[in-house]
């Protein structure tokens, strides 16, 4: 008997929503109430900048590693990658590989040195031996742009999955959902600060890993624990047939798609080391050793997760089918919830609903506190107040900034609704690698690097990346573009990393050579000693 006869194909239930909207709403409400209570209980007063930004540096490497995975495993990982694998097979799994390999750069080059050199933000590291005001302004600009781009993906994912689970139709209903998610996230940040946000991320990571492992076991059980049988059924129930089992469905057909794949790979592998919300988590541990343990635990946790996404993605293709996924509310982003409904009914769907909701809330809260900390610490405290803010004013400014950023994220999420969230996060990785990675590496390892090089590298990488995205099919020229009814796409690639990342390194190098000021040897030596030993931090 063939696998197709053993495994019935998923039947379309008619409505685009799945499960019981009342139960799903109750699951959402329960998770929100529990996490809000935890945030309130653990937050304390959060009166000092150290408490609000870095939780006083009191988390262990294990706790922070799990929180790092909770901060990093976003809606792109849980919803976008599962959907990408379900539709495009092998090519979709490239996102998982890229996201995981990226952490080797953090482990080997970034984590300990950043923890030893800085205090609260990436700007602390970049401005250590440079002119403070222009470099901190550049670091804050980069952080805000990257955080907002990353938030677009999370908010778009919120609109897609919650609209599916609550059977909300139309752009207006999804806009309401995105707004509610944004408001809850703002409350998390205002009340909990970094400590409360970290505990939400730890809880979310634990629930997420448990859920994907259980889904993987349940799914393999339906196929007699035969991965080959699962893959055979996935190919049978996918519009692209057996092509989804090998490379080339999405990338590699033409020279343009080949370049797009290389560009995507560069952005994924190099981007994690430049993500401000990831770098900021290294300040929540007491020393460099715990920062290194954080990365090791994060990598271990994420290895389990990304391995499970392979089974879940192909499982969604096998049991739900690519056509039904693309016809549903949320399209690719709905693959994991639809699969949960097929293998576990309403109960498992309710669990997945809570996990998806927790994923989005935790990641957006982490991004919001990072962006608000960068503005309050780098711009307000060190540029406007010249390092001498009034007591309590820095935290107050950070809270006000969190509200503003939350509102911008809500508006951006509504505009980006319908895009694949893994793809949107890949753009944020391109921005991070283009703006931040070159300047971080030059600052930590190149003695001659100076203020001009820092500014040229950051603005050159950030500006080129932004320009290429605006002129790419992401914004216009295709049915899936943000503005689909016009066409001014002159740059053919969807991800600009293959151009913008080298541009940032070249700009940083040339800026250093042509800059008038010379690096301060005393500050350079002090930074080198501090980055390697932590002395004087």
Protein backbone atom coordinates (compact mmCIF):
# COMPACT_ATOMS: atom_id res chain seq x y z
CA UNK A 1 0.00 0.00 0.00
CA UNK A 2 1.39 3.39 -0.91
CA UNK A 3 1.99 6.25 1.49
CA UNK A 4 -0.71 8.25 -0.26
CA UNK A 5 -3.29 5.60 0.61
CA UNK A 6 -2.18 5.47 4.21
CA UNK A 7 -2.22 9.23 4.76
CA UNK A 8 -5.47 11.01 3.85
CA UNK A 9 -5.07 14.40 2.29
CA UNK A 10 -6.20 17.43 4.29
CA UNK A 11 -9.70 18.50 3.43
CA UNK A 12 -10.54 22.15 3.02
CA UNK A 13 -12.90 23.14 5.76
CA UNK A 14 -14.38 26.00 3.81
CA UNK A 15 -13.64 29.03 5.94
CA UNK A 16 -10.15 30.38 6.00
CA UNK A 17 -10.05 30.22 9.79
CA UNK A 18 -9.25 26.96 11.58
CA UNK A 19 -10.20 25.58 14.96
CA UNK A 20 -12.50 27.27 17.44
CA UNK A 21 -12.04 31.06 17.51
CA UNK A 22 -13.49 31.21 21.04
CA UNK A 23 -10.96 28.69 22.36
CA UNK A 24 -8.11 30.38 20.51
CA UNK A 25 -9.13 33.74 21.96
CA UNK A 26 -9.18 32.21 25.45
CA UNK A 27 -5.67 30.81 24.89
CA UNK A 28 -4.39 34.22 23.81
CA UNK A 29 -6.03 35.95 26.75
CA UNK A 30 -4.68 33.37 29.20
CA UNK A 31 -1.13 33.71 27.96
CA UNK A 32 -1.29 37.50 28.04
CA UNK A 33 -2.64 37.58 31.60
CA UNK A 34 -0.06 35.10 32.90
CA UNK A 35 2.89 36.88 31.29
CA UNK A 36 1.66 40.31 32.34
CA UNK A 37 1.49 39.06 35.94
CA UNK A 38 5.03 37.62 35.70
CA UNK A 39 6.35 40.85 34.17
CA UNK A 40 4.77 42.85 36.98
CA UNK A 41 6.13 40.57 39.72
CA UNK A 42 9.73 40.39 38.48
CA UNK A 43 10.13 43.94 37.22
CA UNK A 44 10.73 45.69 40.54
CA UNK A 45 11.11 49.42 40.30
CA UNK A 46 13.44 49.55 37.24
CA UNK A 47 14.44 53.02 38.39
CA UNK A 48 18.09 52.93 37.30
CA UNK A 49 19.34 52.70 33.72
CA UNK A 50 21.28 49.50 34.55
CA UNK A 51 18.10 47.82 35.80
CA UNK A 52 15.90 49.00 32.94
CA UNK A 53 18.36 48.31 30.10
CA UNK A 54 20.33 45.29 31.31
CA UNK A 55 18.47 43.87 34.34
CA UNK A 56 21.49 44.79 36.44
CA UNK A 57 23.59 42.13 34.67
CA UNK A 58 22.21 39.46 37.02
CA UNK A 59 21.13 36.70 34.61
CA UNK A 60 23.22 33.55 34.30
CA UNK A 61 24.60 32.28 31.01
CA UNK A 62 21.99 29.52 30.90
CA UNK A 63 19.12 31.91 31.52
CA UNK A 64 20.41 34.43 29.04
CA UNK A 65 21.10 31.75 26.43
CA UNK A 66 17.50 30.56 26.58
CA UNK A 67 16.34 34.18 26.50
CA UNK A 68 18.61 34.79 23.50
CA UNK A 69 16.94 31.95 21.66
CA UNK A 70 13.57 33.37 22.70
CA UNK A 71 14.61 36.78 21.39
CA UNK A 72 16.03 35.37 18.16
CA UNK A 73 13.44 32.70 17.29
CA UNK A 74 10.91 35.12 15.93
CA UNK A 75 7.78 34.82 13.86
CA UNK A 76 10.14 34.39 10.91
CA UNK A 77 11.44 31.16 12.40
CA UNK A 78 8.17 29.69 13.65
CA UNK A 79 5.82 30.82 10.89
CA UNK A 80 7.90 32.01 7.96
CA UNK A 81 10.42 29.17 7.73
CA UNK A 82 7.80 26.44 8.17
CA UNK A 83 5.81 28.07 5.38
CA UNK A 84 8.85 28.51 3.16
CA UNK A 85 9.73 24.81 3.51
CA UNK A 86 6.11 23.77 2.95
CA UNK A 87 5.95 25.71 -0.34
CA UNK A 88 9.54 25.64 -1.62
CA UNK A 89 11.01 22.64 0.19
CA UNK A 90 14.81 22.52 0.27
CA UNK A 91 15.20 26.17 -0.71
CA UNK A 92 13.02 27.21 2.23
CA UNK A 93 15.24 25.26 4.64
CA UNK A 94 18.15 27.50 3.65
CA UNK A 95 16.71 30.09 6.04
CA UNK A 96 17.14 27.66 8.95
CA UNK A 97 20.73 26.89 7.98
CA UNK A 98 21.63 30.55 7.58
CA UNK A 99 20.06 31.64 10.88
CA UNK A 100 21.89 28.87 12.78
CA UNK A 101 25.33 29.21 11.19
CA UNK A 102 25.21 32.95 11.86
CA UNK A 103 25.73 32.31 15.57
CA UNK A 104 29.26 31.05 14.97
CA UNK A 105 30.26 34.64 14.17
CA UNK A 106 28.79 35.76 17.49
CA UNK A 107 30.46 32.95 19.41
CA UNK A 108 33.93 33.36 17.90
CA UNK A 109 34.23 37.11 17.28
CA UNK A 110 31.61 39.20 19.02
CA UNK A 111 30.02 38.01 22.29
CA UNK A 112 32.85 38.31 24.82
CA UNK A 113 34.46 41.40 23.32
CA UNK A 114 31.18 43.33 23.15
CA UNK A 115 30.28 42.32 26.71
CA UNK A 116 33.64 43.51 28.05
CA UNK A 117 33.77 46.77 26.10
CA UNK A 118 30.25 48.20 26.27
CA UNK A 119 27.72 48.92 28.97
CA UNK A 120 24.19 49.10 27.57
CA UNK A 121 24.17 49.55 23.79
CA UNK A 122 26.14 48.91 20.62
CA UNK A 123 26.98 52.62 20.60
CA UNK A 124 29.07 52.12 23.76
CA UNK A 125 31.40 49.81 21.82
CA UNK A 126 31.61 51.83 18.61
CA UNK A 127 32.15 55.17 20.39
CA UNK A 128 34.71 53.89 22.90
CA UNK A 129 37.77 55.29 21.10
CA UNK A 130 36.00 57.59 18.62
CA UNK A 131 34.38 61.03 18.79
CA UNK A 132 31.31 60.34 20.89
CA UNK A 133 28.55 62.47 19.42
CA UNK A 134 28.66 61.58 15.69
CA UNK A 135 29.36 57.90 16.30
CA UNK A 136 26.58 57.50 18.88
CA UNK A 137 24.19 59.31 16.54
CA UNK A 138 25.11 56.88 13.75
CA UNK A 139 24.73 53.87 16.07
CA UNK A 140 21.31 55.06 17.24
CA UNK A 141 20.16 55.64 13.65
CA UNK A 142 21.28 52.17 12.63
CA UNK A 143 19.62 50.57 15.67
CA UNK A 144 16.30 52.31 15.06
CA UNK A 145 16.19 51.41 11.36
CA UNK A 146 17.09 47.75 11.92
CA UNK A 147 14.69 47.39 14.86
CA UNK A 148 11.80 48.90 12.93
CA UNK A 149 12.45 46.65 9.92
CA UNK A 150 12.59 43.61 12.19
CA UNK A 151 9.37 44.70 13.86
CA UNK A 152 7.60 44.86 10.50
CA UNK A 153 8.09 41.12 10.14
CA UNK A 154 6.79 40.36 13.62
CA UNK A 155 3.74 42.57 13.32
CA UNK A 156 2.94 41.21 9.85
CA UNK A 157 3.19 37.71 11.34
CA UNK A 158 0.85 38.74 14.14
CA UNK A 159 -1.75 39.94 11.68
CA UNK A 160 -1.53 36.75 9.63
CA UNK A 161 -1.60 34.09 12.31
CA UNK A 162 -4.08 35.71 14.67
CA UNK A 163 -6.42 36.55 11.79
CA UNK A 164 -6.30 32.89 10.77
CA UNK A 165 -6.85 31.53 14.27
CA UNK A 166 -9.60 33.99 15.21
CA UNK A 167 -11.22 33.80 11.75
CA UNK A 168 -10.73 37.53 11.18
CA UNK A 169 -11.20 38.53 7.54
CA UNK A 170 -10.22 41.66 5.67
CA UNK A 171 -7.39 44.11 6.10
CA UNK A 172 -9.36 46.14 8.64
CA UNK A 173 -9.75 43.23 11.05
CA UNK A 174 -6.09 42.29 10.73
CA UNK A 175 -5.10 45.90 11.38
CA UNK A 176 -7.03 45.74 14.65
CA UNK A 177 -5.19 42.54 15.58
CA UNK A 178 -1.80 44.14 14.84
CA UNK A 179 -2.75 47.16 16.94
CA UNK A 180 -3.71 45.02 19.93
CA UNK A 181 -0.43 43.08 19.72
CA UNK A 182 1.51 46.34 19.58
CA UNK A 183 -0.25 47.79 22.62
CA UNK A 184 0.40 44.69 24.73
CA UNK A 185 4.06 44.75 23.70
CA UNK A 186 4.37 48.41 24.72
CA UNK A 187 2.96 47.54 28.14
CA UNK A 188 5.53 44.75 28.57
CA UNK A 189 8.38 47.16 27.93
CA UNK A 190 7.03 50.04 30.01
CA UNK A 191 6.37 47.89 33.08
CA UNK A 192 8.98 45.14 32.89
CA UNK A 193 12.05 46.71 31.32
CA UNK A 194 14.80 44.24 30.39
CA UNK A 195 14.17 41.98 33.39
CA UNK A 196 10.50 41.46 32.65
CA UNK A 197 11.14 41.14 28.93
CA UNK A 198 13.83 38.52 29.56
CA UNK A 199 11.51 36.33 31.61
CA UNK A 200 8.84 36.55 28.90
CA UNK A 201 11.48 35.42 26.39
CA UNK A 202 12.60 32.52 28.61
CA UNK A 203 9.01 31.31 29.04
CA UNK A 204 8.33 31.74 25.36
CA UNK A 205 11.48 29.82 24.34
CA UNK A 206 10.63 26.90 26.62
CA UNK A 207 7.06 26.68 25.29
CA UNK A 208 8.23 27.05 21.69
CA UNK A 209 10.85 24.29 21.85
CA UNK A 210 8.47 21.92 23.65
CA UNK A 211 5.74 22.60 21.08
CA UNK A 212 7.88 22.05 17.98
CA UNK A 213 9.36 18.86 19.44
CA UNK A 214 5.88 17.50 20.23
CA UNK A 215 4.61 18.47 16.77
CA UNK A 216 7.61 16.74 15.19
CA UNK A 217 7.02 13.53 17.18
CA UNK A 218 3.27 13.53 16.45
CA UNK A 219 3.92 14.19 12.78
CA UNK A 220 6.54 11.47 12.36
CA UNK A 221 4.24 9.10 14.22
CA UNK A 222 1.60 9.53 11.50
CA UNK A 223 4.14 8.23 9.00
CA UNK A 224 5.40 5.32 11.09
CA UNK A 225 8.47 7.39 12.09
CA UNK A 226 9.66 7.19 8.49
CA UNK A 227 11.09 10.46 7.23
CA UNK A 228 11.20 9.04 3.71
CA UNK A 229 7.45 8.37 3.78
CA UNK A 230 6.83 11.92 4.98
CA UNK A 231 8.96 13.41 2.21
CA UNK A 232 7.27 11.24 -0.42
CA UNK A 233 3.85 12.46 0.70
CA UNK A 234 5.09 16.07 0.84
CA UNK A 235 6.17 15.87 -2.80
CA UNK A 236 2.87 14.24 -3.78
CA UNK A 237 0.77 16.95 -2.11
CA UNK A 238 2.85 19.91 -3.33
CA UNK A 239 2.07 21.74 -6.56
CA UNK A 240 5.78 21.66 -7.44
CA UNK A 241 6.07 17.90 -7.04
CA UNK A 242 9.37 16.17 -6.32
CA UNK A 243 11.27 19.37 -7.07
CA UNK A 244 10.69 20.46 -3.47
CA UNK A 245 13.02 17.67 -2.29
CA UNK A 246 16.04 19.26 -3.97
CA UNK A 247 17.50 22.72 -4.56
CA UNK A 248 16.32 25.07 -7.27
CA UNK A 249 12.59 25.57 -6.71
CA UNK A 250 13.02 29.19 -5.60
CA UNK A 251 16.69 29.92 -6.29
CA UNK A 252 19.14 28.97 -9.02
CA UNK A 253 16.89 28.86 -12.08
CA UNK A 254 18.43 32.02 -13.53
CA UNK A 255 21.52 34.10 -12.87
CA UNK A 256 19.34 36.62 -11.00
CA UNK A 257 17.88 34.05 -8.62
CA UNK A 258 21.34 32.57 -8.09
CA UNK A 259 22.68 35.97 -7.07
CA UNK A 260 19.61 36.47 -4.90
CA UNK A 261 20.40 33.24 -3.06
CA UNK A 262 24.04 34.23 -2.50
CA UNK A 263 22.88 37.63 -1.27
CA UNK A 264 20.38 36.02 1.10
CA UNK A 265 23.02 33.64 2.44
CA UNK A 266 25.45 36.48 3.13
CA UNK A 267 22.77 38.47 4.94
CA UNK A 268 21.67 35.53 7.10
CA UNK A 269 25.16 34.37 8.07
CA UNK A 270 26.63 37.80 8.75
CA UNK A 271 23.56 39.66 9.99
CA UNK A 272 23.10 38.09 13.45
CA UNK A 273 26.40 39.55 14.68
CA UNK A 274 25.12 43.04 13.91
CA UNK A 275 21.60 42.80 15.35
CA UNK A 276 21.32 45.41 18.13
CA UNK A 277 18.79 43.45 20.20
CA UNK A 278 21.08 40.40 20.17
CA UNK A 279 24.15 42.43 21.13
CA UNK A 280 22.26 44.12 23.97
CA UNK A 281 21.46 40.77 25.58
CA UNK A 282 25.17 40.22 26.32
CA UNK A 283 24.99 43.04 28.88
CA UNK A 284 22.47 41.15 31.03
CA UNK A 285 25.12 38.68 32.28
CA UNK A 286 27.82 39.47 34.87
CA UNK A 287 30.95 38.65 32.82
CA UNK A 288 32.38 37.50 29.50
CA UNK A 289 32.39 33.84 30.51
CA UNK A 290 28.63 33.93 30.99
CA UNK A 291 28.27 35.78 27.68
CA UNK A 292 30.07 32.90 25.95
CA UNK A 293 27.89 30.35 27.78
CA UNK A 294 24.86 32.32 26.61
CA UNK A 295 25.80 31.77 22.97
CA UNK A 296 26.51 28.06 23.51
CA UNK A 297 23.10 27.52 25.14
CA UNK A 298 21.38 29.61 22.50
CA UNK A 299 22.98 27.59 19.69
CA UNK A 300 22.02 24.29 21.33
CA UNK A 301 18.43 25.38 21.81
CA UNK A 302 18.11 26.70 18.28
CA UNK A 303 19.66 23.57 16.76
CA UNK A 304 16.77 21.55 18.17
CA UNK A 305 14.28 24.09 16.88
CA UNK A 306 15.63 24.44 13.34
CA UNK A 307 15.93 20.68 12.93
CA UNK A 308 12.26 20.42 13.86
CA UNK A 309 11.29 23.07 11.28
CA UNK A 310 12.43 20.72 8.50
CA UNK A 311 9.95 18.06 9.60
CA UNK A 312 7.18 20.58 10.32
CA UNK A 313 7.58 22.35 6.96
CA UNK A 314 7.51 19.17 4.89
CA UNK A 315 4.78 17.84 7.16
CA UNK A 316 2.60 20.84 6.34
CA UNK A 317 3.12 20.13 2.64
CA UNK A 318 2.25 16.47 3.18
CA UNK A 319 -0.89 16.82 5.30
CA UNK A 320 -2.21 20.28 4.41
CA UNK A 321 -0.97 20.76 0.89
CA UNK A 322 0.69 23.73 -0.75
CA UNK A 323 -2.47 24.93 -2.49
CA UNK A 324 -4.53 25.07 0.69
CA UNK A 325 -1.72 26.89 2.51
CA UNK A 326 -1.48 29.55 -0.20
CA UNK A 327 -5.28 29.94 -0.33
CA UNK A 328 -5.58 30.52 3.41
CA UNK A 329 -5.49 33.75 5.37
CA UNK A 330 -1.80 34.41 5.99
CA UNK A 331 -0.65 32.27 3.04
CA UNK A 332 2.80 30.76 3.80
CA UNK A 333 2.73 32.05 7.37
CA UNK A 334 -0.31 29.84 8.07
CA UNK A 335 1.46 26.53 7.35
CA UNK A 336 2.36 25.67 10.98
CA UNK A 337 -1.09 26.51 12.46
CA UNK A 338 -2.88 24.57 9.70
CA UNK A 339 -0.60 21.58 10.31
CA UNK A 340 -1.28 21.73 14.06
CA UNK A 341 -5.00 21.57 13.35
CA UNK A 342 -4.54 18.55 11.08
CA UNK A 343 -2.48 16.46 13.51
CA UNK A 344 -3.90 17.54 16.86
CA UNK A 345 -7.21 19.24 16.25
CA UNK A 346 -8.42 22.26 18.16
CA UNK A 347 -6.35 21.55 21.28
CA UNK A 348 -2.98 21.48 19.53
CA UNK A 349 -4.01 24.44 17.44
CA UNK A 350 -4.75 26.36 20.62
CA UNK A 351 -1.27 25.55 21.92
CA UNK A 352 0.33 26.64 18.66
CA UNK A 353 -1.76 29.81 18.79
CA UNK A 354 -0.34 30.63 22.22
CA UNK A 355 3.20 29.83 21.04
CA UNK A 356 2.88 32.01 17.94
CA UNK A 357 1.46 34.84 19.98
CA UNK A 358 4.17 34.49 22.64
CA UNK A 359 6.84 34.42 19.94
CA UNK A 360 5.70 37.67 18.40
CA UNK A 361 5.20 39.48 21.71
CA UNK A 362 8.56 38.44 23.16
CA UNK A 363 10.59 39.36 20.10
CA UNK A 364 8.86 42.70 19.52
CA UNK A 365 9.29 43.58 23.20
CA UNK A 366 13.02 42.85 22.94
CA UNK A 367 13.32 44.99 19.82
CA UNK A 368 11.39 47.84 21.41
CA UNK A 369 13.51 47.99 24.55
CA UNK A 370 16.68 47.89 22.42
CA UNK A 371 15.57 50.73 20.16
CA UNK A 372 14.32 52.86 23.05
CA UNK A 373 17.53 52.23 25.04
CA UNK A 374 19.66 53.28 22.06
CA UNK A 375 17.82 56.57 21.67
CA UNK A 376 17.69 57.34 25.40
CA UNK A 377 21.27 56.26 26.20
CA UNK A 378 23.13 57.25 23.02
CA UNK A 379 21.17 60.28 21.83
CA UNK A 380 19.56 61.78 24.92
CA UNK A 381 22.05 60.95 27.68
CA UNK A 382 25.35 61.13 25.79
CA UNK A 383 24.66 63.56 22.94
CA UNK A 384 22.02 65.98 24.20
CA UNK A 385 23.02 65.84 27.90
CA UNK A 386 26.74 65.20 27.23
CA UNK A 387 26.85 62.17 29.52
CA UNK A 388 25.23 63.91 32.48
CA UNK A 389 21.46 63.32 32.38
CA UNK A 390 19.31 64.23 35.37
CA UNK A 391 18.61 61.32 37.73
CA UNK A 392 15.79 59.18 36.37
CA UNK A 393 15.41 61.19 33.17
CA UNK A 394 17.14 58.63 30.95
CA UNK A 395 14.72 55.86 31.88
CA UNK A 396 11.79 58.25 31.45
CA UNK A 397 12.96 59.14 27.93
CA UNK A 398 13.40 55.44 27.16
CA UNK A 399 9.80 54.73 28.14
CA UNK A 400 8.48 57.60 26.02
CA UNK A 401 10.58 56.37 23.09
CA UNK A 402 9.18 52.85 23.53
CA UNK A 403 5.66 54.20 23.03
CA UNK A 404 6.67 56.09 19.87
CA UNK A 405 8.47 53.06 18.45
CA UNK A 406 5.52 50.84 19.28
CA UNK A 407 3.17 53.10 17.34
CA UNK A 408 5.52 53.14 14.34
CA UNK A 409 5.74 49.33 14.48
CA UNK A 410 1.96 49.07 14.44
CA UNK A 411 1.67 51.32 11.38
CA UNK A 412 4.51 49.52 9.58
CA UNK A 413 3.08 46.11 10.40
CA UNK A 414 -0.26 47.08 8.88
CA UNK A 415 1.50 48.22 5.68
CA UNK A 416 3.65 45.05 5.48
CA UNK A 417 0.78 42.65 6.23
CA UNK A 418 0.79 39.70 3.81
CA UNK A 419 4.57 39.49 3.25
CA UNK A 420 6.41 36.30 4.22
CA UNK A 421 7.88 37.09 7.62
CA UNK A 422 11.06 35.06 7.08
CA UNK A 423 11.75 37.14 4.00
CA UNK A 424 11.19 40.42 5.88
CA UNK A 425 13.54 39.35 8.68
CA UNK A 426 16.17 38.48 6.07
CA UNK A 427 16.02 42.13 5.01
CA UNK A 428 16.61 43.20 8.61
CA UNK A 429 19.65 40.89 8.68
CA UNK A 430 20.94 42.59 5.53
CA UNK A 431 20.61 45.98 7.21
CA UNK A 432 22.41 44.71 10.34
CA UNK A 433 25.28 43.18 8.40
CA UNK A 434 25.60 46.24 6.16
CA UNK A 435 25.50 48.93 8.85
CA UNK A 436 27.00 47.31 11.93
CA UNK A 437 29.19 44.29 11.26
CA UNK A 438 32.01 46.07 9.44
CA UNK A 439 32.25 48.86 12.02
CA UNK A 440 32.14 46.42 14.95
CA UNK A 441 34.92 44.25 13.52
CA UNK A 442 37.05 47.23 12.51
CA UNK A 443 36.58 48.83 15.95
CA UNK A 444 37.56 45.67 17.80
CA UNK A 445 40.43 44.46 15.58
CA UNK A 446 41.87 47.34 13.49
CA UNK A 447 44.11 49.78 15.34
CA UNK A 448 44.01 52.47 12.65
CA UNK A 449 40.22 52.57 12.48
CA UNK A 450 38.92 56.07 13.28
CA UNK A 451 35.76 58.17 13.50
CA UNK A 452 35.60 58.89 9.77
CA UNK A 453 35.83 55.20 9.00
CA UNK A 454 33.04 54.46 11.48
CA UNK A 455 30.70 57.04 9.97
CA UNK A 456 31.51 56.11 6.37
CA UNK A 457 31.02 52.40 7.11
CA UNK A 458 27.74 52.76 8.99
CA UNK A 459 26.06 55.35 6.79
CA UNK A 460 27.48 53.87 3.60
CA UNK A 461 26.23 50.38 4.42
CA UNK A 462 22.90 51.52 5.82
CA UNK A 463 22.24 54.01 3.01
CA UNK A 464 23.14 51.62 0.20
CA UNK A 465 21.04 48.86 1.73
CA UNK A 466 18.02 51.15 2.17
CA UNK A 467 18.33 52.54 -1.35
CA UNK A 468 18.58 49.10 -2.93
CA UNK A 469 15.57 47.81 -0.98
CA UNK A 470 13.47 50.80 -2.11
CA UNK A 471 14.49 50.14 -5.74
CA UNK A 472 13.93 46.36 -5.48
CA UNK A 473 10.88 44.14 -6.09
CA UNK A 474 10.29 44.21 -2.32
CA UNK A 475 8.73 47.68 -2.57
CA UNK A 476 7.29 47.76 -6.11
CA UNK A 477 6.92 45.91 -9.38
CA UNK A 478 5.45 42.54 -8.36
CA UNK A 479 2.14 41.22 -6.96
CA UNK A 480 3.76 40.58 -3.56
CA UNK A 481 5.39 44.02 -3.31
CA UNK A 482 4.46 46.43 -0.53
CA UNK A 483 3.26 48.85 -3.24
CA UNK A 484 2.06 46.49 -5.95
CA UNK A 485 0.29 48.90 -8.30
CA UNK A 486 3.43 50.81 -9.36
CA UNK A 487 6.81 49.71 -10.67
CA UNK A 488 10.07 51.55 -10.03
CA UNK A 489 12.15 48.43 -9.28
CA UNK A 490 15.48 48.84 -11.07
CA UNK A 491 17.54 46.64 -8.71
CA UNK A 492 16.65 43.02 -9.55
CA UNK A 493 17.53 41.28 -6.27
CA UNK A 494 15.11 40.95 -3.35
CA UNK A 495 17.94 40.94 -0.81
CA UNK A 496 20.67 43.59 -1.26
CA UNK A 497 23.31 42.01 1.01
CA UNK A 498 25.65 40.94 -1.79
CA UNK A 499 26.15 44.63 -2.67
CA UNK A 500 25.54 46.57 0.54
CA UNK A 501 27.70 44.42 2.87
CA UNK A 502 30.90 44.80 0.78
CA UNK A 503 30.04 48.50 0.33
CA UNK A 504 30.07 48.97 4.11
CA UNK A 505 33.50 47.31 4.50
CA UNK A 506 34.95 49.33 1.60
CA UNK A 507 33.46 52.59 2.93
CA UNK A 508 34.85 51.92 6.41
CA UNK A 509 38.29 51.23 4.97
CA UNK A 510 38.32 54.28 2.68
CA UNK A 511 36.90 56.53 5.37
CA UNK A 512 39.74 55.52 7.67
CA UNK A 513 42.39 56.17 5.02
CA UNK A 514 41.03 59.56 3.95
CA UNK A 515 39.90 60.73 7.39
CA UNK A 516 41.89 63.58 8.85
CA UNK A 517 41.89 62.54 12.49
CA UNK A 518 44.12 59.73 13.69
CA UNK A 519 43.12 56.99 16.10
CA UNK A 520 44.10 57.65 19.72
CA UNK A 521 46.76 55.02 20.60
CA UNK A 522 46.01 55.23 24.34
CA UNK A 523 42.28 54.65 23.86
CA UNK A 524 42.99 51.89 21.38
CA UNK A 525 45.20 50.06 23.88
CA UNK A 526 42.66 50.57 26.66
CA UNK A 527 39.91 49.16 24.45
CA UNK A 528 42.05 46.17 23.51
CA UNK A 529 42.81 45.34 27.14
CA UNK A 530 39.22 45.82 28.22
CA UNK A 531 37.74 43.80 25.35
CA UNK A 532 40.02 40.84 26.10
CA UNK A 533 39.98 40.93 29.90
CA UNK A 534 37.03 43.03 31.04
CA UNK A 535 39.32 45.07 33.31
CA UNK A 536 38.08 48.60 33.95
CA UNK A 537 34.57 47.96 32.70
